[in-house]
Amino acid sequence: MALVTRYGTLLGMAPHVIGRTLWVAPSATYSIDGNVYEASDSNDGLAPDRALRRVNRAWALAAAFDTIILLPGAHLAANTAGTATSVAATVANVTMTGLTGIKTNQFYKRTTLSVAAADQTVNVTAAGIEIANIKFVGDALNVGSAHVDFSAAAHGFYFHDNTVDVTAQTANTGILGVDSLGAAQYVVVQDNVFYTDGAFGAMIDMTATLDSLVSRNKFVHVTGTLAAAISVGAATDRLEIEGNVFNDGAGTITAGVDGTGATIANGVAIHDNRFGVTVTVPIDNFDAAEAQISENYDFGVGATDGGILVVAIT
């Protein structure tokens, strides 16, 4: 009989993780295996039945290559005193994830995270950080901040299999999904879903990033007008935007990919994306030399319309 290691793998297999696992509960009491436990930031967080109470406390205890697991439920970004404040993702090479099932439903996450303040939900300021399997829910008190922003130091930031939902917030162009604050390199934003319903900011802003990828994301725009789903600003170079779907329903997205401010010749490769019928201009506001495009399509309507190849950048 094969032996199971402490990492959940069979003896002789490489472990899935090499650091510790820190568990965080969404409430003061929580249930594991039918038993009720008390969460506390005085716990060590190293087992599911000794969970921490706040996400920020887990980051304060984390070291490189640790994994922070948020138990299912609604988590509020706050300090150990319960005051709403951003989660400070300041430790390099740490993973923060919701607890997943056998398969992950891309549109529905059991773990949610929000901040009841006019502030970002998560600030990423270290290299190699991974965030996955969490639904970021906008709070009405957050009137002008991104849900997740990352600094120039966030090289290798990996944001995947998350949902960002701003529909509970009052529309404001200062509210973004994932926002670049500097020249981070090797950033990947992949397999996420973004829900919008008005004039918000871009759901993915990749200004100044280098050698990065925006891939297989879904933009679900319910109503109203969104200026841009993805934005590319000054100094963005060697960015690939591929395989994204822009489903705008009854709303309008003015630009699927907006190049306002782009400055690097051939700095962006845009290919194999699919744009909804009410995306006004799929790829907009680039100068002719700043973007490379291939195999992007506008959706068609009707059984005989297979869509229209996007052949121009305005």
Protein backbone atom coordinates (compact mmCIF):
# COMPACT_ATOMS: atom_id res chain seq x y z
CA MET A 1 0.00 0.00 0.00
CA ALA A 2 1.34 3.44 -0.94
CA LEU A 3 2.06 5.83 1.92
CA VAL A 4 0.62 9.36 1.95
CA THR A 5 3.02 12.15 2.91
CA ARG A 6 2.21 15.30 4.88
CA TYR A 7 1.96 17.14 1.53
CA GLY A 8 -0.95 15.01 0.33
CA THR A 9 1.13 13.16 -2.27
CA LEU A 10 2.29 9.55 -2.35
CA LEU A 11 5.68 8.63 -0.95
CA GLY A 12 8.31 9.18 -3.62
CA MET A 13 6.34 11.85 -5.50
CA ALA A 14 7.44 15.47 -5.56
CA PRO A 15 5.34 17.54 -3.11
CA HIS A 16 2.76 20.01 -4.42
CA VAL A 17 4.11 22.63 -2.00
CA ILE A 18 7.32 22.91 -0.02
CA GLY A 19 6.26 25.51 2.55
CA ARG A 20 3.65 25.59 5.27
CA THR A 21 -0.10 25.93 4.79
CA LEU A 22 -1.84 28.75 6.66
CA TRP A 23 -5.62 28.47 7.01
CA VAL A 24 -7.97 31.48 7.33
CA ALA A 25 -11.64 31.32 8.36
CA PRO A 26 -14.28 33.80 7.14
CA SER A 27 -15.96 34.14 10.54
CA ALA A 28 -15.31 33.85 14.27
CA THR A 29 -16.70 30.30 14.31
CA TYR A 30 -16.58 27.82 11.46
CA SER A 31 -17.21 24.15 10.79
CA ILE A 32 -14.74 21.46 9.66
CA ASP A 33 -15.82 17.83 9.27
CA GLY A 34 -18.99 18.53 11.26
CA ASN A 35 -17.12 20.06 14.19
CA VAL A 36 -17.28 23.75 15.15
CA TYR A 37 -14.06 25.64 15.86
CA GLU A 38 -13.14 29.19 16.85
CA ALA A 39 -10.96 31.22 14.50
CA SER A 40 -8.46 33.58 16.06
CA ASP A 41 -5.44 35.58 15.02
CA SER A 42 -3.83 34.14 18.14
CA ASN A 43 -3.94 30.69 16.51
CA ASP A 44 -0.94 29.50 14.52
CA GLY A 45 -3.15 28.80 11.47
CA LEU A 46 -1.18 25.67 10.59
CA ALA A 47 -4.16 23.28 10.55
CA PRO A 48 -7.77 23.62 9.41
CA ASP A 49 -8.99 23.37 13.02
CA ARG A 50 -6.64 26.18 14.15
CA ALA A 51 -7.55 28.75 11.50
CA LEU A 52 -6.63 32.40 11.64
CA ARG A 53 -9.39 35.00 11.59
CA ARG A 54 -7.96 37.58 9.18
CA VAL A 55 -6.24 37.29 5.82
CA ASN A 56 -3.77 40.01 6.77
CA ARG A 57 -2.66 37.98 9.78
CA ALA A 58 -1.80 35.08 7.49
CA TRP A 59 0.37 37.34 5.35
CA ALA A 60 2.10 38.64 8.48
CA LEU A 61 3.00 35.05 9.44
CA ALA A 62 3.84 33.82 5.94
CA ALA A 63 7.29 33.02 4.63
CA ALA A 64 8.50 32.26 1.12
CA PHE A 65 6.76 29.27 -0.51
CA ASP A 66 3.96 29.12 2.06
CA THR A 67 0.35 28.72 0.91
CA ILE A 68 -2.52 30.72 2.41
CA ILE A 69 -5.87 28.94 2.05
CA LEU A 70 -9.08 30.92 2.56
CA LEU A 71 -11.85 28.62 3.74
CA PRO A 72 -15.19 28.92 1.90
CA GLY A 73 -17.29 31.94 2.89
CA ALA A 74 -17.18 35.73 2.81
CA HIS A 75 -13.83 37.14 3.93
CA LEU A 76 -13.39 40.83 4.74
CA ALA A 77 -10.00 42.46 4.26
CA ALA A 78 -9.16 43.93 7.68
CA ASN A 79 -6.40 44.18 10.25
CA THR A 80 -6.35 42.06 13.39
CA ALA A 81 -8.52 44.64 15.17
CA GLY A 82 -11.18 44.22 12.48
CA THR A 83 -10.64 47.62 10.85
CA ALA A 84 -11.14 47.45 7.09
CA THR A 85 -7.88 47.77 5.18
CA SER A 86 -6.19 46.26 2.14
CA VAL A 87 -4.57 42.85 2.26
CA ALA A 88 -0.84 43.51 2.12
CA ALA A 89 0.68 40.81 -0.11
CA THR A 90 4.27 41.68 0.77
CA VAL A 91 6.02 38.29 1.03
CA ALA A 92 7.64 36.90 -2.10
CA ASN A 93 6.71 33.49 -3.51
CA VAL A 94 3.52 33.01 -1.48
CA THR A 95 0.27 31.55 -2.89
CA MET A 96 -3.14 32.75 -1.67
CA THR A 97 -6.05 30.62 -2.82
CA GLY A 98 -9.61 29.71 -2.10
CA LEU A 99 -10.32 26.09 -1.29
CA THR A 100 -11.21 24.32 -4.52
CA GLY A 101 -13.36 21.30 -5.31
CA ILE A 102 -12.53 18.44 -7.64
CA LYS A 103 -13.20 20.79 -10.55
CA THR A 104 -13.43 24.57 -10.37
CA ASN A 105 -16.48 26.41 -11.72
CA GLN A 106 -15.03 29.39 -13.55
CA PHE A 107 -18.12 31.53 -12.93
CA TYR A 108 -18.81 30.64 -9.30
CA LYS A 109 -16.39 30.76 -6.39
CA ARG A 110 -17.22 29.59 -2.88
CA THR A 111 -14.64 31.90 -1.34
CA THR A 112 -15.17 35.67 -1.57
CA LEU A 113 -13.00 38.57 -0.50
CA SER A 114 -13.93 42.25 -0.24
CA VAL A 115 -12.93 45.39 1.63
CA ALA A 116 -15.48 47.68 3.31
CA ALA A 117 -13.45 50.83 2.65
CA ALA A 118 -12.36 53.21 -0.09
CA ASP A 119 -9.26 51.13 -0.68
CA GLN A 120 -7.85 48.32 -2.79
CA THR A 121 -8.73 44.79 -1.68
CA VAL A 122 -5.18 43.46 -2.23
CA ASN A 123 -1.88 45.27 -2.79
CA VAL A 124 0.78 43.01 -4.34
CA THR A 125 4.29 44.37 -3.73
CA ALA A 126 6.59 41.34 -3.87
CA ALA A 127 7.78 38.88 -6.51
CA GLY A 128 6.38 35.46 -7.31
CA ILE A 129 2.97 35.89 -5.67
CA GLU A 130 0.07 33.74 -6.88
CA ILE A 131 -3.63 34.51 -6.25
CA ALA A 132 -6.26 31.99 -7.32
CA ASN A 133 -9.81 30.66 -6.83
CA ILE A 134 -11.25 33.74 -5.10
CA LYS A 135 -14.23 35.93 -5.97
CA PHE A 136 -13.43 39.60 -5.38
CA VAL A 137 -16.71 41.34 -4.56
CA GLY A 138 -16.98 45.11 -4.77
CA ASP A 139 -18.25 46.95 -1.71
CA ALA A 140 -20.33 50.13 -2.02
CA LEU A 141 -17.81 51.94 0.22
CA ASN A 142 -15.06 51.33 -2.34
CA VAL A 143 -15.78 54.24 -4.68
CA GLY A 144 -12.54 54.65 -6.61
CA SER A 145 -9.93 51.92 -6.15
CA ALA A 146 -8.78 48.80 -7.97
CA HIS A 147 -9.63 45.42 -6.50
CA VAL A 148 -6.07 44.17 -6.93
CA ASP A 149 -3.07 46.29 -7.79
CA PHE A 150 0.54 45.25 -8.25
CA SER A 151 3.70 47.31 -8.04
CA ALA A 152 6.86 47.30 -10.14
CA ALA A 153 8.31 44.82 -7.63
CA ALA A 154 5.63 42.19 -8.38
CA HIS A 155 7.68 40.24 -10.94
CA GLY A 156 6.09 36.89 -11.76
CA PHE A 157 2.66 37.83 -10.36
CA TYR A 158 0.16 35.11 -11.33
CA PHE A 159 -3.56 35.99 -11.05
CA HIS A 160 -5.71 33.13 -12.28
CA ASP A 161 -9.07 31.38 -11.90
CA ASN A 162 -10.57 34.31 -10.00
CA THR A 163 -13.75 36.33 -10.40
CA VAL A 164 -13.93 40.12 -10.05
CA ASP A 165 -17.48 41.48 -9.64
CA VAL A 166 -17.96 45.26 -9.42
CA THR A 167 -21.74 45.26 -9.94
CA ALA A 168 -22.46 46.16 -6.28
CA GLN A 169 -20.43 49.35 -6.64
CA THR A 170 -21.41 52.75 -8.02
CA ALA A 171 -19.84 53.08 -11.45
CA ASN A 172 -16.60 55.06 -11.38
CA THR A 173 -13.69 54.96 -13.79
CA GLY A 174 -11.34 54.82 -10.80
CA ILE A 175 -12.64 51.33 -9.98
CA LEU A 176 -10.52 48.76 -11.82
CA GLY A 177 -10.16 44.99 -11.63
CA VAL A 178 -6.42 44.22 -11.81
CA ASP A 179 -4.24 47.32 -12.05
CA SER A 180 -0.54 47.70 -12.84
CA LEU A 181 1.35 50.38 -10.89
CA GLY A 182 4.75 49.90 -12.50
CA ALA A 183 7.16 47.94 -14.64
CA ALA A 184 6.57 44.44 -13.28
CA GLN A 185 7.85 41.61 -15.49
CA TYR A 186 6.44 38.11 -16.22
CA VAL A 187 2.91 38.94 -15.05
CA VAL A 188 0.18 36.46 -16.06
CA VAL A 189 -3.56 37.28 -15.79
CA GLN A 190 -5.33 34.15 -16.95
CA ASP A 191 -8.67 32.28 -16.81
CA ASN A 192 -10.53 34.94 -14.81
CA VAL A 193 -14.09 36.28 -15.11
CA PHE A 194 -14.89 40.00 -14.79
CA TYR A 195 -18.45 41.29 -14.21
CA THR A 196 -19.28 44.94 -14.94
CA ASP A 197 -22.45 46.96 -15.35
CA GLY A 198 -21.47 50.55 -16.12
CA ALA A 199 -18.73 53.11 -16.62
CA PHE A 200 -15.95 51.51 -14.59
CA GLY A 201 -12.24 51.54 -15.30
CA ALA A 202 -10.50 48.81 -17.23
CA MET A 203 -10.80 45.38 -15.67
CA ILE A 204 -7.20 44.59 -16.62
CA ASP A 205 -4.64 47.39 -16.85
CA MET A 206 -1.17 46.31 -17.99
CA THR A 207 0.54 49.70 -18.24
CA ALA A 208 4.36 49.46 -18.19
CA THR A 209 4.46 45.66 -17.76
CA LEU A 210 7.13 43.63 -19.56
CA ASP A 211 7.12 40.09 -20.97
CA SER A 212 3.59 39.43 -19.73
CA LEU A 213 0.40 37.60 -20.72
CA VAL A 214 -3.37 38.28 -20.58
CA SER A 215 -5.02 35.04 -21.57
CA ARG A 216 -8.40 33.27 -21.68
CA ASN A 217 -10.25 35.78 -19.53
CA LYS A 218 -13.99 36.41 -19.86
CA PHE A 219 -15.51 39.88 -19.66
CA VAL A 220 -19.23 39.82 -18.86
CA HIS A 221 -20.64 43.32 -19.29
CA VAL A 222 -24.28 43.41 -18.22
CA THR A 223 -25.49 46.93 -19.03
CA GLY A 224 -24.33 50.53 -19.48
CA THR A 225 -21.10 51.57 -21.18
CA LEU A 226 -17.63 50.38 -20.24
CA ALA A 227 -14.86 52.43 -21.84
CA ALA A 228 -12.33 49.58 -22.01
CA ALA A 229 -12.02 45.99 -20.81
CA ILE A 230 -8.22 45.77 -21.20
CA SER A 231 -5.94 48.81 -21.24
CA VAL A 232 -2.35 49.09 -22.45
CA GLY A 233 -0.47 52.23 -21.45
CA ALA A 234 2.98 53.76 -21.69
CA ALA A 235 6.07 51.54 -21.78
CA THR A 236 4.14 48.25 -22.06
CA ASP A 237 6.40 45.91 -24.02
CA ARG A 238 6.25 42.29 -25.14
CA LEU A 239 2.71 41.84 -23.87
CA GLU A 240 0.60 39.04 -25.35
CA ILE A 241 -3.21 39.32 -25.26
CA GLU A 242 -4.79 36.09 -26.48
CA GLY A 243 -7.89 33.95 -26.25
CA ASN A 244 -10.08 36.41 -24.34
CA VAL A 245 -13.87 36.62 -24.78
CA PHE A 246 -15.80 39.89 -24.50
CA ASN A 247 -19.49 39.16 -23.87
CA ASP A 248 -21.27 42.49 -23.61
CA GLY A 249 -24.94 41.42 -23.62
CA ALA A 250 -27.18 44.47 -23.37
CA GLY A 251 -24.28 46.78 -22.54
CA THR A 252 -21.63 48.45 -24.66
CA ILE A 253 -17.85 48.15 -24.41
CA THR A 254 -16.34 51.08 -26.27
CA ALA A 255 -12.92 49.43 -26.73
CA GLY A 256 -12.15 45.78 -26.08
CA VAL A 257 -8.41 46.46 -25.94
CA ASP A 258 -7.51 50.13 -25.49
CA GLY A 259 -4.03 51.32 -26.43
CA THR A 260 -4.32 54.92 -25.24
CA GLY A 261 -0.89 55.96 -24.04
CA ALA A 262 0.97 53.02 -25.59
CA THR A 263 4.48 54.02 -26.63
CA ILE A 264 6.44 50.93 -27.74
CA ALA A 265 6.58 49.87 -31.39
CA ASN A 266 5.28 46.29 -31.72
CA GLY A 267 4.93 46.25 -27.94
CA VAL A 268 1.68 44.23 -27.89
CA ALA A 269 0.69 41.05 -29.73
CA ILE A 270 -3.11 40.64 -29.86
CA HIS A 271 -4.46 37.40 -31.29
CA ASP A 272 -7.32 34.88 -31.19
CA ASN A 273 -9.68 37.08 -29.18
CA ARG A 274 -13.47 37.15 -29.65
CA PHE A 275 -15.41 40.40 -29.30
CA GLY A 276 -19.16 40.76 -28.65
CA VAL A 277 -21.39 42.44 -31.19
CA THR A 278 -21.72 45.63 -29.11
CA VAL A 279 -17.99 46.14 -28.62
CA THR A 280 -17.77 49.39 -30.54
CA VAL A 281 -14.13 49.02 -31.61
CA PRO A 282 -12.40 45.76 -30.69
CA ILE A 283 -8.83 47.12 -30.75
CA ASP A 284 -8.64 50.88 -30.39
CA ASN A 285 -6.35 53.88 -29.80
CA PHE A 286 -3.06 52.30 -30.86
CA ASP A 287 -0.79 53.98 -33.34
CA ALA A 288 -0.20 51.76 -36.37
CA ALA A 289 3.19 50.46 -35.21
CA GLU A 290 2.32 49.73 -31.59
CA ALA A 291 0.24 46.54 -31.86
CA GLN A 292 0.44 43.32 -33.85
CA ILE A 293 -2.90 41.60 -34.56
CA SER A 294 -3.87 38.19 -35.88
CA GLU A 295 -7.04 36.06 -35.98
CA ASN A 296 -9.26 38.30 -33.84
CA TYR A 297 -13.00 38.20 -34.57
CA ASP A 298 -16.14 40.20 -33.94
CA PHE A 299 -19.04 37.87 -33.13
CA GLY A 300 -21.80 37.66 -35.69
CA VAL A 301 -25.53 37.31 -35.02
CA GLY A 302 -27.65 34.56 -36.48
CA ALA A 303 -27.18 31.02 -37.68
CA THR A 304 -25.46 32.01 -40.91
CA ASP A 305 -23.08 34.64 -39.54
CA GLY A 306 -19.77 33.25 -38.35
CA GLY A 307 -18.28 36.56 -37.31
CA ILE A 308 -16.02 39.15 -38.87
CA LEU A 309 -12.23 39.16 -38.88
CA VAL A 310 -10.79 42.24 -37.19
CA VAL A 311 -8.39 43.65 -39.76
CA ALA A 312 -7.86 47.21 -38.54
CA ILE A 313 -6.66 49.10 -35.49
CA THR A 314 -8.02 52.62 -35.06
